[in-house]
Amino acid sequence: MDTIITIELLDEQFKFKADEKSTVDPEDIAQYLIEEVRQVEARFPAYARKTNKLAILVTAALNIAKQNAEMKNRHHHFLHDVAVRTDKLQRLIAAST
């Protein structure tokens, strides 16, 4: 059965369905988003926080998308590095036998 997570962002409630097969705790995902929105909201002037909710949410989404892209890039480079090192080790082993 799917779990529904409710979070509050900028005085609004949002719900999302947690994927049972995920290895990530849905509460952790919710908390990550809440924290990112809070950090963005803190950078907005107090008078603009109520009227610019969409801008705050979009900025938080862009920040998370950027973090995700950077992580994917680092992961790609890591896998490439592992492949290069594995190839080198295999050649060294083959040369020594």
Protein backbone atom coordinates (compact mmCIF):
# COMPACT_ATOMS: atom_id res chain seq x y z
CA MET A 1 0.00 0.00 0.00
CA ASP A 2 1.29 3.45 -0.90
CA THR A 3 2.11 5.95 1.80
CA ILE A 4 0.85 9.51 1.44
CA ILE A 5 3.17 12.15 2.89
CA THR A 6 1.79 15.58 3.76
CA ILE A 7 4.14 18.53 4.08
CA GLU A 8 3.56 22.20 4.70
CA LEU A 9 5.40 24.73 2.60
CA LEU A 10 4.75 28.46 2.74
CA ASP A 11 1.51 27.99 4.69
CA GLU A 12 0.17 25.52 2.12
CA GLN A 13 -0.21 21.77 2.49
CA PHE A 14 1.07 19.45 -0.20
CA LYS A 15 0.74 15.69 -0.48
CA PHE A 16 2.81 13.20 -2.39
CA LYS A 17 2.71 9.47 -2.74
CA ALA A 18 5.79 7.66 -1.51
CA ASP A 19 7.12 4.88 -3.69
CA GLU A 20 7.21 1.68 -1.65
CA LYS A 21 10.12 0.35 -3.70
CA SER A 22 12.30 3.39 -3.05
CA THR A 23 15.37 2.96 -0.91
CA VAL A 24 15.01 6.54 0.32
CA ASP A 25 12.79 7.36 3.28
CA PRO A 26 9.95 9.61 2.02
CA GLU A 27 10.13 11.60 5.24
CA ASP A 28 13.77 12.40 4.41
CA ILE A 29 12.71 13.62 0.97
CA ALA A 30 10.01 15.81 2.49
CA GLN A 31 12.42 17.22 5.07
CA TYR A 32 15.01 17.96 2.38
CA LEU A 33 12.46 19.93 0.37
CA ILE A 34 11.19 21.78 3.44
CA GLU A 35 14.74 22.79 4.36
CA GLU A 36 15.55 23.95 0.83
CA VAL A 37 12.37 26.06 0.70
CA ARG A 38 13.20 27.56 4.11
CA GLN A 39 16.69 28.50 2.95
CA VAL A 40 15.34 30.17 -0.20
CA GLU A 41 12.54 31.87 1.73
CA ALA A 42 15.07 33.33 4.17
CA ARG A 43 16.82 35.09 1.28
CA PHE A 44 13.62 36.87 0.24
CA PRO A 45 12.64 40.14 1.93
CA ALA A 46 9.93 39.64 4.58
CA TYR A 47 7.38 41.69 2.62
CA ALA A 48 7.85 39.52 -0.48
CA ARG A 49 7.48 36.10 1.16
CA LYS A 50 3.69 36.02 1.00
CA THR A 51 3.33 37.38 -2.53
CA ASN A 52 6.23 35.49 -4.09
CA LYS A 53 5.44 31.94 -2.98
CA LEU A 54 5.74 30.65 -6.54
CA ALA A 55 9.12 32.33 -6.99
CA ILE A 56 10.34 30.77 -3.74
CA LEU A 57 9.16 27.30 -4.75
CA VAL A 58 10.58 27.58 -8.27
CA THR A 59 13.91 28.80 -6.90
CA ALA A 60 14.02 25.88 -4.45
CA ALA A 61 13.18 23.48 -7.30
CA LEU A 62 15.94 24.96 -9.46
CA ASN A 63 18.42 24.62 -6.60
CA ILE A 64 17.49 20.98 -6.12
CA ALA A 65 17.65 20.35 -9.89
CA LYS A 66 21.13 21.91 -9.96
CA GLN A 67 22.27 19.74 -7.05
CA ASN A 68 20.87 16.68 -8.81
CA ALA A 69 22.65 17.53 -12.08
CA GLU A 70 25.93 18.10 -10.23
CA MET A 71 25.54 14.78 -8.41
CA LYS A 72 24.81 12.96 -11.68
CA ASN A 73 27.90 14.58 -13.21
CA ARG A 74 30.08 13.52 -10.27
CA HIS A 75 28.62 10.01 -10.44
CA HIS A 76 29.37 9.81 -14.17
CA HIS A 77 32.97 10.92 -13.58
CA PHE A 78 33.32 8.46 -10.71
CA LEU A 79 32.09 5.57 -12.87
CA HIS A 80 34.45 6.62 -15.66
CA ASP A 81 37.36 6.76 -13.20
CA VAL A 82 36.49 3.31 -11.85
CA ALA A 83 36.28 1.90 -15.39
CA VAL A 84 39.68 3.38 -16.32
CA ARG A 85 41.31 2.04 -13.16
CA THR A 86 39.68 -1.38 -13.59
CA ASP A 87 40.95 -1.56 -17.15
CA LYS A 88 44.44 -0.61 -16.01
CA LEU A 89 44.40 -3.26 -13.27
CA GLN A 90 43.16 -5.91 -15.69
CA ARG A 91 45.99 -5.07 -18.10
CA LEU A 92 48.54 -5.23 -15.26
CA ILE A 93 47.20 -8.60 -14.12
CA ALA A 94 47.19 -9.96 -17.67
CA ALA A 95 50.75 -8.74 -18.23
CA SER A 96 52.00 -10.40 -15.05
CA THR A 97 50.55 -13.84 -15.83
